[in-house]
Amino acid sequence: MSWSVVILNKVVELNALLDNMHARFQRITNMFATFGLDQVRMPYVW
């Protein structure tokens, strides 16, 4: 099963984020896509 991350109901300007915040966002979404939400635990998913 493959996962994808979709952001709904809000326009998000990833380019406007600071470099470290953009990198963190990319890392977390990659973990979701790779392992799935059920395998990613705190502090990324509550």
PDB file of N, CA and C in Angstrom:
ATOM      1  N   MET A   1       0.849  -1.174   0.000  1.00  0.00           N
ATOM      2  CA  MET A   1       0.000   0.000   0.000  1.00  0.00           C
ATOM      3  C   MET A   1       0.895   1.238   0.000  1.00  0.00           C
ATOM      4  N   SER A   2       0.588   2.188  -0.841  1.00  0.00           N
ATOM      5  CA  SER A   2       1.359   3.430  -0.860  1.00  0.00           C
ATOM      6  C   SER A   2       0.520   4.555  -0.264  1.00  0.00           C
ATOM      7  N   TRP A   3       1.192   5.495   0.333  1.00  0.00           N
ATOM      8  CA  TRP A   3       0.554   6.633   0.964  1.00  0.00           C
ATOM      9  C   TRP A   3       0.907   7.895   0.206  1.00  0.00           C
ATOM     10  N   SER A   4       0.038   8.868   0.262  1.00  0.00           N
ATOM     11  CA  SER A   4       0.351  10.177  -0.266  1.00  0.00           C
ATOM     12  C   SER A   4      -0.131  11.219   0.740  1.00  0.00           C
ATOM     13  N   VAL A   5       0.507  12.363   0.745  1.00  0.00           N
ATOM     14  CA  VAL A   5       0.152  13.438   1.671  1.00  0.00           C
ATOM     15  C   VAL A   5      -0.540  14.526   0.878  1.00  0.00           C
ATOM     16  N   VAL A   6      -1.736  14.899   1.325  1.00  0.00           N
ATOM     17  CA  VAL A   6      -2.522  15.931   0.670  1.00  0.00           C
ATOM     18  C   VAL A   6      -2.927  16.959   1.719  1.00  0.00           C
ATOM     19  N   ILE A   7      -2.736  18.209   1.412  1.00  0.00           N
ATOM     20  CA  ILE A   7      -3.132  19.288   2.311  1.00  0.00           C
ATOM     21  C   ILE A   7      -4.393  19.914   1.728  1.00  0.00           C
ATOM     22  N   LEU A   8      -5.473  19.886   2.503  1.00  0.00           N
ATOM     23  CA  LEU A   8      -6.762  20.384   2.036  1.00  0.00           C
ATOM     24  C   LEU A   8      -7.175  21.652   2.783  1.00  0.00           C
ATOM     25  N   ASN A   9      -7.996  22.455   2.120  1.00  0.00           N
ATOM     26  CA  ASN A   9      -8.633  23.625   2.718  1.00  0.00           C
ATOM     27  C   ASN A   9      -7.674  24.740   3.121  1.00  0.00           C
ATOM     28  N   LYS A  10      -6.462  24.721   2.641  1.00  0.00           N
ATOM     29  CA  LYS A  10      -5.551  25.798   2.991  1.00  0.00           C
ATOM     30  C   LYS A  10      -4.440  25.852   1.945  1.00  0.00           C
ATOM     31  N   VAL A  11      -4.110  27.044   1.524  1.00  0.00           N
ATOM     32  CA  VAL A  11      -2.996  27.220   0.607  1.00  0.00           C
ATOM     33  C   VAL A  11      -1.726  27.288   1.447  1.00  0.00           C
ATOM     34  N   VAL A  12      -0.795  26.436   1.151  1.00  0.00           N
ATOM     35  CA  VAL A  12       0.444  26.387   1.911  1.00  0.00           C
ATOM     36  C   VAL A  12       1.587  26.759   0.989  1.00  0.00           C
ATOM     37  N   GLU A  13       2.305  27.763   1.365  1.00  0.00           N
ATOM     38  CA  GLU A  13       3.467  28.197   0.594  1.00  0.00           C
ATOM     39  C   GLU A  13       4.707  27.574   1.209  1.00  0.00           C
ATOM     40  N   LEU A  14       5.086  26.401   0.718  1.00  0.00           N
ATOM     41  CA  LEU A  14       6.253  25.730   1.274  1.00  0.00           C
ATOM     42  C   LEU A  14       7.520  26.524   1.024  1.00  0.00           C
ATOM     43  N   ASN A  15       7.567  27.249  -0.064  1.00  0.00           N
ATOM     44  CA  ASN A  15       8.754  28.048  -0.356  1.00  0.00           C
ATOM     45  C   ASN A  15       8.926  29.200   0.628  1.00  0.00           C
ATOM     46  N   ALA A  16       7.834  29.605   1.278  1.00  0.00           N
ATOM     47  CA  ALA A  16       7.912  30.699   2.232  1.00  0.00           C
ATOM     48  C   ALA A  16       8.413  30.243   3.598  1.00  0.00           C
ATOM     49  N   LEU A  17       8.430  28.932   3.838  1.00  0.00           N
ATOM     50  CA  LEU A  17       8.923  28.420   5.108  1.00  0.00           C
ATOM     51  C   LEU A  17      10.433  28.602   5.208  1.00  0.00           C
ATOM     52  N   LEU A  18      10.906  28.726   6.413  1.00  0.00           N
ATOM     53  CA  LEU A  18      12.343  28.753   6.628  1.00  0.00           C
ATOM     54  C   LEU A  18      12.928  27.423   6.175  1.00  0.00           C
ATOM     55  N   ASP A  19      14.198  27.431   5.809  1.00  0.00           N
ATOM     56  CA  ASP A  19      14.829  26.220   5.291  1.00  0.00           C
ATOM     57  C   ASP A  19      14.710  25.036   6.236  1.00  0.00           C
ATOM     58  N   ASN A  20      14.924  25.265   7.540  1.00  0.00           N
ATOM     59  CA  ASN A  20      14.851  24.148   8.472  1.00  0.00           C
ATOM     60  C   ASN A  20      13.428  23.625   8.628  1.00  0.00           C
ATOM     61  N   MET A  21      12.430  24.521   8.580  1.00  0.00           N
ATOM     62  CA  MET A  21      11.035  24.090   8.665  1.00  0.00           C
ATOM     63  C   MET A  21      10.625  23.334   7.401  1.00  0.00           C
ATOM     64  N   HIS A  22      11.092  23.793   6.254  1.00  0.00           N
ATOM     65  CA  HIS A  22      10.794  23.116   4.995  1.00  0.00           C
ATOM     66  C   HIS A  22      11.404  21.721   5.003  1.00  0.00           C
ATOM     67  N   ALA A  23      12.635  21.604   5.466  1.00  0.00           N
ATOM     68  CA  ALA A  23      13.307  20.305   5.536  1.00  0.00           C
ATOM     69  C   ALA A  23      12.587  19.372   6.495  1.00  0.00           C
ATOM     70  N   ARG A  24      12.145  19.883   7.633  1.00  0.00           N
ATOM     71  CA  ARG A  24      11.410  19.059   8.604  1.00  0.00           C
ATOM     72  C   ARG A  24      10.082  18.579   8.009  1.00  0.00           C
ATOM     73  N   PHE A  25       9.362  19.475   7.332  1.00  0.00           N
ATOM     74  CA  PHE A  25       8.103  19.106   6.688  1.00  0.00           C
ATOM     75  C   PHE A  25       8.335  17.999   5.660  1.00  0.00           C
ATOM     76  N   GLN A  26       9.355  18.158   4.843  1.00  0.00           N
ATOM     77  CA  GLN A  26       9.671  17.147   3.826  1.00  0.00           C
ATOM     78  C   GLN A  26      10.005  15.806   4.471  1.00  0.00           C
ATOM     79  N   ARG A  27      10.791  15.843   5.549  1.00  0.00           N
ATOM     80  CA  ARG A  27      11.188  14.608   6.230  1.00  0.00           C
ATOM     81  C   ARG A  27       9.982  13.876   6.799  1.00  0.00           C
ATOM     82  N   ILE A  28       9.076  14.616   7.436  1.00  0.00           N
ATOM     83  CA  ILE A  28       7.905  13.991   8.043  1.00  0.00           C
ATOM     84  C   ILE A  28       6.967  13.442   6.971  1.00  0.00           C
ATOM     85  N   THR A  29       6.731  14.202   5.909  1.00  0.00           N
ATOM     86  CA  THR A  29       5.849  13.691   4.850  1.00  0.00           C
ATOM     87  C   THR A  29       6.469  12.490   4.159  1.00  0.00           C
ATOM     88  N   ASN A  30       7.791  12.460   4.028  1.00  0.00           N
ATOM     89  CA  ASN A  30       8.446  11.282   3.465  1.00  0.00           C
ATOM     90  C   ASN A  30       8.279  10.071   4.369  1.00  0.00           C
ATOM     91  N   MET A  31       8.342  10.277   5.687  1.00  0.00           N
ATOM     92  CA  MET A  31       8.115   9.160   6.611  1.00  0.00           C
ATOM     93  C   MET A  31       6.693   8.637   6.475  1.00  0.00           C
ATOM     94  N   PHE A  32       5.719   9.544   6.347  1.00  0.00           N
ATOM     95  CA  PHE A  32       4.336   9.108   6.144  1.00  0.00           C
ATOM     96  C   PHE A  32       4.205   8.287   4.870  1.00  0.00           C
ATOM     97  N   ALA A  33       4.801   8.777   3.794  1.00  0.00           N
ATOM     98  CA  ALA A  33       4.703   8.087   2.505  1.00  0.00           C
ATOM     99  C   ALA A  33       5.422   6.739   2.537  1.00  0.00           C
ATOM    100  N   THR A  34       6.540   6.655   3.245  1.00  0.00           N
ATOM    101  CA  THR A  34       7.325   5.430   3.284  1.00  0.00           C
ATOM    102  C   THR A  34       6.741   4.387   4.222  1.00  0.00           C
ATOM    103  N   PHE A  35       6.397   4.799   5.431  1.00  0.00           N
ATOM    104  CA  PHE A  35       6.002   3.849   6.473  1.00  0.00           C
ATOM    105  C   PHE A  35       4.494   3.794   6.724  1.00  0.00           C
ATOM    106  N   GLY A  36       3.766   4.867   6.366  1.00  0.00           N
ATOM    107  CA  GLY A  36       2.336   4.940   6.644  1.00  0.00           C
ATOM    108  C   GLY A  36       2.079   5.596   7.989  1.00  0.00           C
ATOM    109  N   LEU A  37       0.905   6.188   8.124  1.00  0.00           N
ATOM    110  CA  LEU A  37       0.560   6.899   9.351  1.00  0.00           C
ATOM    111  C   LEU A  37       0.522   5.973  10.557  1.00  0.00           C
ATOM    112  N   ASP A  38       0.152   4.722  10.352  1.00  0.00           N
ATOM    113  CA  ASP A  38       0.044   3.800  11.477  1.00  0.00           C
ATOM    114  C   ASP A  38       1.400   3.385  12.037  1.00  0.00           C
ATOM    115  N   GLN A  39       2.485   3.616  11.314  1.00  0.00           N
ATOM    116  CA  GLN A  39       3.823   3.254  11.779  1.00  0.00           C
ATOM    117  C   GLN A  39       4.630   4.451  12.277  1.00  0.00           C
ATOM    118  N   VAL A  40       4.168   5.654  12.000  1.00  0.00           N
ATOM    119  CA  VAL A  40       4.877   6.863  12.439  1.00  0.00           C
ATOM    120  C   VAL A  40       4.256   7.299  13.762  1.00  0.00           C
ATOM    121  N   ARG A  41       5.055   7.388  14.780  1.00  0.00           N
ATOM    122  CA  ARG A  41       4.571   7.677  16.133  1.00  0.00           C
ATOM    123  C   ARG A  41       4.971   9.074  16.587  1.00  0.00           C
ATOM    124  N   MET A  42       4.697   9.347  17.858  1.00  0.00           N
ATOM    125  CA  MET A  42       5.067  10.621  18.442  1.00  0.00           C
ATOM    126  C   MET A  42       6.560  10.850  18.266  1.00  0.00           C
ATOM    127  N   PRO A  43       6.979  12.040  18.063  1.00  0.00           N
ATOM    128  CA  PRO A  43       6.245  13.293  18.171  1.00  0.00           C
ATOM    129  C   PRO A  43       5.620  13.755  16.858  1.00  0.00           C
ATOM    130  N   TYR A  44       5.621  12.920  15.831  1.00  0.00           N
ATOM    131  CA  TYR A  44       5.125  13.330  14.519  1.00  0.00           C
ATOM    132  C   TYR A  44       3.613  13.170  14.398  1.00  0.00           C
ATOM    133  N   VAL A  45       3.060  12.176  15.050  1.00  0.00           N
ATOM    134  CA  VAL A  45       1.611  11.934  15.010  1.00  0.00           C
ATOM    135  C   VAL A  45       1.123  11.788  16.443  1.00  0.00           C
ATOM    136  N   TRP A  46       0.047  12.504  16.787  1.00  0.00           N
ATOM    137  CA  TRP A  46      -0.512  12.402  18.129  1.00  0.00           C
ATOM    138  C   TRP A  46      -1.760  11.599  18.107  1.00  0.00           C
TER     139      TRP A  46
END
